[in-house]
Amino acid sequence: MSYSDPRPYAYSYYHDFGAATEALVLRGPSGKKGSIKEIEVEAIETFTNTTTEGFVRLGSGAAGYEYVNMGLGTLADGAQSRLTDVAADLVLDALPADTTVHLTLVAPTGGTPAGKAHVHVMIEWC
């Protein structure tokens, strides 16, 4: 496998953002660097944004977001949000080889937190 022959991976999750924050760990194939191609969030319940909005974050640790810091605002039921919609959400698309990457699905705060969604993360490893 080389840069001219990348391997796309899709990681898909269902998450109830209103219930709690969840941290997950992603790891690419041994020796391969990653490139973040897209993150898509499909809401199945409207998100609240009373004090702070919910986020999808990718970083080197559970609290990190040096790769992606994607705010979800008041994403409506049935609506989609894509990483490529807002250039500032992608902080750095290059993922180092042989390193765990932490996907953190951050709950909104304030009032009665709500928001359920399917989250899809697309990374090419080469």
C-alpha atoms as a PDB file:
ATOM      1  CA  MET A   1       0.000   0.000   0.000  1.00  0.00           C
ATOM      2  CA  SER A   2       1.281   3.467  -0.891  1.00  0.00           C
ATOM      3  CA  TYR A   3       0.008   7.046  -1.101  1.00  0.00           C
ATOM      4  CA  SER A   4      -1.224   6.242  -4.601  1.00  0.00           C
ATOM      5  CA  ASP A   5      -3.240   3.351  -3.152  1.00  0.00           C
ATOM      6  CA  PRO A   6      -4.891   4.578   0.071  1.00  0.00           C
ATOM      7  CA  ARG A   7      -7.253   2.339   2.034  1.00  0.00           C
ATOM      8  CA  PRO A   8     -10.472   4.066   3.110  1.00  0.00           C
ATOM      9  CA  TYR A   9     -11.941   3.113   6.488  1.00  0.00           C
ATOM     10  CA  ALA A  10     -15.356   4.146   7.791  1.00  0.00           C
ATOM     11  CA  TYR A  11     -16.095   4.097  11.517  1.00  0.00           C
ATOM     12  CA  SER A  12     -19.801   4.421  12.376  1.00  0.00           C
ATOM     13  CA  TYR A  13     -21.422   4.964  15.758  1.00  0.00           C
ATOM     14  CA  TYR A  14     -24.812   5.793  17.228  1.00  0.00           C
ATOM     15  CA  HIS A  15     -24.592   8.156  20.205  1.00  0.00           C
ATOM     16  CA  ASP A  16     -27.024   9.833  22.593  1.00  0.00           C
ATOM     17  CA  PHE A  17     -25.172  13.132  23.083  1.00  0.00           C
ATOM     18  CA  GLY A  18     -27.788  14.315  25.575  1.00  0.00           C
ATOM     19  CA  ALA A  19     -27.051  11.401  27.919  1.00  0.00           C
ATOM     20  CA  ALA A  20     -23.265  11.732  28.287  1.00  0.00           C
ATOM     21  CA  THR A  21     -19.899  12.284  26.669  1.00  0.00           C
ATOM     22  CA  GLU A  22     -18.297   9.150  25.228  1.00  0.00           C
ATOM     23  CA  ALA A  23     -14.658   8.539  24.330  1.00  0.00           C
ATOM     24  CA  LEU A  24     -13.634   5.932  21.756  1.00  0.00           C
ATOM     25  CA  VAL A  25     -10.244   4.898  20.394  1.00  0.00           C
ATOM     26  CA  LEU A  26      -9.414   4.486  16.684  1.00  0.00           C
ATOM     27  CA  ARG A  27      -6.234   2.936  15.352  1.00  0.00           C
ATOM     28  CA  GLY A  28      -5.202   2.503  11.752  1.00  0.00           C
ATOM     29  CA  PRO A  29      -3.302  -0.365  10.161  1.00  0.00           C
ATOM     30  CA  SER A  30       0.239  -0.867  11.435  1.00  0.00           C
ATOM     31  CA  GLY A  31       2.759   1.543   9.908  1.00  0.00           C
ATOM     32  CA  LYS A  32       0.134   3.571   8.009  1.00  0.00           C
ATOM     33  CA  LYS A  33      -0.508   7.314   8.300  1.00  0.00           C
ATOM     34  CA  GLY A  34      -4.062   8.591   8.144  1.00  0.00           C
ATOM     35  CA  SER A  35      -5.831  11.430   6.387  1.00  0.00           C
ATOM     36  CA  ILE A  36      -9.232  12.573   7.677  1.00  0.00           C
ATOM     37  CA  LYS A  37     -11.591  12.765   4.695  1.00  0.00           C
ATOM     38  CA  GLU A  38     -14.982  13.401   6.283  1.00  0.00           C
ATOM     39  CA  ILE A  39     -17.028  13.258   9.450  1.00  0.00           C
ATOM     40  CA  GLU A  40     -20.762  13.207   9.021  1.00  0.00           C
ATOM     41  CA  VAL A  41     -23.317  13.571  11.810  1.00  0.00           C
ATOM     42  CA  GLU A  42     -26.931  12.603  11.059  1.00  0.00           C
ATOM     43  CA  ALA A  43     -29.253  13.850  13.801  1.00  0.00           C
ATOM     44  CA  ILE A  44     -32.217  11.716  14.860  1.00  0.00           C
ATOM     45  CA  GLU A  45     -33.115  14.102  17.714  1.00  0.00           C
ATOM     46  CA  THR A  46     -32.621  17.878  17.765  1.00  0.00           C
ATOM     47  CA  PHE A  47     -29.523  19.025  19.659  1.00  0.00           C
ATOM     48  CA  THR A  48     -29.660  21.583  22.455  1.00  0.00           C
ATOM     49  CA  ASN A  49     -27.154  24.388  22.846  1.00  0.00           C
ATOM     50  CA  THR A  50     -28.218  26.079  26.099  1.00  0.00           C
ATOM     51  CA  THR A  51     -24.762  26.659  27.632  1.00  0.00           C
ATOM     52  CA  THR A  52     -22.384  24.851  25.283  1.00  0.00           C
ATOM     53  CA  GLU A  53     -22.979  22.905  22.096  1.00  0.00           C
ATOM     54  CA  GLY A  54     -22.152  19.248  21.541  1.00  0.00           C
ATOM     55  CA  PHE A  55     -18.939  18.400  19.695  1.00  0.00           C
ATOM     56  CA  VAL A  56     -17.268  15.652  17.705  1.00  0.00           C
ATOM     57  CA  ARG A  57     -13.540  15.795  18.455  1.00  0.00           C
ATOM     58  CA  LEU A  58     -10.491  13.856  17.287  1.00  0.00           C
ATOM     59  CA  GLY A  59      -7.261  14.151  19.218  1.00  0.00           C
ATOM     60  CA  SER A  60      -4.287  12.308  20.632  1.00  0.00           C
ATOM     61  CA  GLY A  61      -6.036  11.988  24.008  1.00  0.00           C
ATOM     62  CA  ALA A  62      -9.630  11.815  25.224  1.00  0.00           C
ATOM     63  CA  ALA A  63      -9.647  15.558  25.984  1.00  0.00           C
ATOM     64  CA  GLY A  64      -7.720  16.501  22.842  1.00  0.00           C
ATOM     65  CA  TYR A  65      -8.935  18.009  19.622  1.00  0.00           C
ATOM     66  CA  GLU A  66      -5.787  18.814  17.688  1.00  0.00           C
ATOM     67  CA  TYR A  67      -7.220  17.109  14.576  1.00  0.00           C
ATOM     68  CA  VAL A  68     -10.957  17.899  14.627  1.00  0.00           C
ATOM     69  CA  ASN A  69     -13.141  20.210  16.736  1.00  0.00           C
ATOM     70  CA  MET A  70     -16.573  19.980  15.113  1.00  0.00           C
ATOM     71  CA  GLY A  71     -19.375  21.896  16.845  1.00  0.00           C
ATOM     72  CA  LEU A  72     -22.930  20.656  16.345  1.00  0.00           C
ATOM     73  CA  GLY A  73     -24.915  23.725  17.478  1.00  0.00           C
ATOM     74  CA  THR A  74     -28.668  23.097  17.397  1.00  0.00           C
ATOM     75  CA  LEU A  75     -28.548  20.443  14.684  1.00  0.00           C
ATOM     76  CA  ALA A  76     -32.182  19.609  13.901  1.00  0.00           C
ATOM     77  CA  ASP A  77     -33.767  16.172  13.802  1.00  0.00           C
ATOM     78  CA  GLY A  78     -33.245  14.805  10.288  1.00  0.00           C
ATOM     79  CA  ALA A  79     -30.451  17.261   9.454  1.00  0.00           C
ATOM     80  CA  GLN A  80     -26.823  16.471   8.677  1.00  0.00           C
ATOM     81  CA  SER A  81     -23.598  18.228   9.528  1.00  0.00           C
ATOM     82  CA  ARG A  82     -20.357  17.481   7.676  1.00  0.00           C
ATOM     83  CA  LEU A  83     -16.799  18.275   8.639  1.00  0.00           C
ATOM     84  CA  THR A  84     -16.222  19.659   5.144  1.00  0.00           C
ATOM     85  CA  ASP A  85     -19.061  22.206   5.616  1.00  0.00           C
ATOM     86  CA  VAL A  86     -16.954  24.388   7.955  1.00  0.00           C
ATOM     87  CA  ALA A  87     -13.238  24.583   7.142  1.00  0.00           C
ATOM     88  CA  ALA A  88     -12.310  25.698  10.694  1.00  0.00           C
ATOM     89  CA  ASP A  89     -13.610  22.414  12.181  1.00  0.00           C
ATOM     90  CA  LEU A  90     -10.702  20.505  10.617  1.00  0.00           C
ATOM     91  CA  VAL A  91      -7.654  21.563  12.619  1.00  0.00           C
ATOM     92  CA  LEU A  92      -5.161  19.078  11.117  1.00  0.00           C
ATOM     93  CA  ASP A  93      -6.030  16.233   8.739  1.00  0.00           C
ATOM     94  CA  ALA A  94      -2.766  14.250   8.996  1.00  0.00           C
ATOM     95  CA  LEU A  95      -2.842  11.403  11.527  1.00  0.00           C
ATOM     96  CA  PRO A  96       0.509   9.890  12.539  1.00  0.00           C
ATOM     97  CA  ALA A  97       1.245   6.216  11.971  1.00  0.00           C
ATOM     98  CA  ASP A  98       1.024   3.722  14.846  1.00  0.00           C
ATOM     99  CA  THR A  99      -0.755   6.151  17.177  1.00  0.00           C
ATOM    100  CA  THR A 100      -4.139   5.837  18.801  1.00  0.00           C
ATOM    101  CA  VAL A 101      -6.591   8.550  17.829  1.00  0.00           C
ATOM    102  CA  HIS A 102      -9.316   9.433  20.312  1.00  0.00           C
ATOM    103  CA  LEU A 103     -12.813  10.147  19.041  1.00  0.00           C
ATOM    104  CA  THR A 104     -14.725  12.057  21.703  1.00  0.00           C
ATOM    105  CA  LEU A 105     -18.465  12.647  21.346  1.00  0.00           C
ATOM    106  CA  VAL A 106     -19.033  15.593  23.696  1.00  0.00           C
ATOM    107  CA  ALA A 107     -22.437  16.205  25.284  1.00  0.00           C
ATOM    108  CA  PRO A 108     -24.045  19.657  25.118  1.00  0.00           C
ATOM    109  CA  THR A 109     -24.514  21.353  28.503  1.00  0.00           C
ATOM    110  CA  GLY A 110     -27.126  23.474  30.233  1.00  0.00           C
ATOM    111  CA  GLY A 111     -30.895  23.140  30.456  1.00  0.00           C
ATOM    112  CA  THR A 112     -31.937  19.622  29.486  1.00  0.00           C
ATOM    113  CA  PRO A 113     -29.152  18.329  27.197  1.00  0.00           C
ATOM    114  CA  ALA A 114     -30.456  16.543  24.102  1.00  0.00           C
ATOM    115  CA  GLY A 115     -29.242  15.246  20.770  1.00  0.00           C
ATOM    116  CA  LYS A 116     -29.014  11.781  19.273  1.00  0.00           C
ATOM    117  CA  ALA A 117     -27.128  11.027  16.096  1.00  0.00           C
ATOM    118  CA  HIS A 118     -25.313   8.587  13.873  1.00  0.00           C
ATOM    119  CA  VAL A 119     -21.665   9.625  13.527  1.00  0.00           C
ATOM    120  CA  HIS A 120     -19.570   8.471  10.565  1.00  0.00           C
ATOM    121  CA  VAL A 121     -15.796   9.057  10.448  1.00  0.00           C
ATOM    122  CA  MET A 122     -13.984   8.466   7.150  1.00  0.00           C
ATOM    123  CA  ILE A 123     -10.194   8.122   7.191  1.00  0.00           C
ATOM    124  CA  GLU A 124      -7.820   7.022   4.437  1.00  0.00           C
ATOM    125  CA  TRP A 125      -4.787   5.111   5.700  1.00  0.00           C
ATOM    126  CA  CYS A 126      -1.682   4.844   3.534  1.00  0.00           C
END
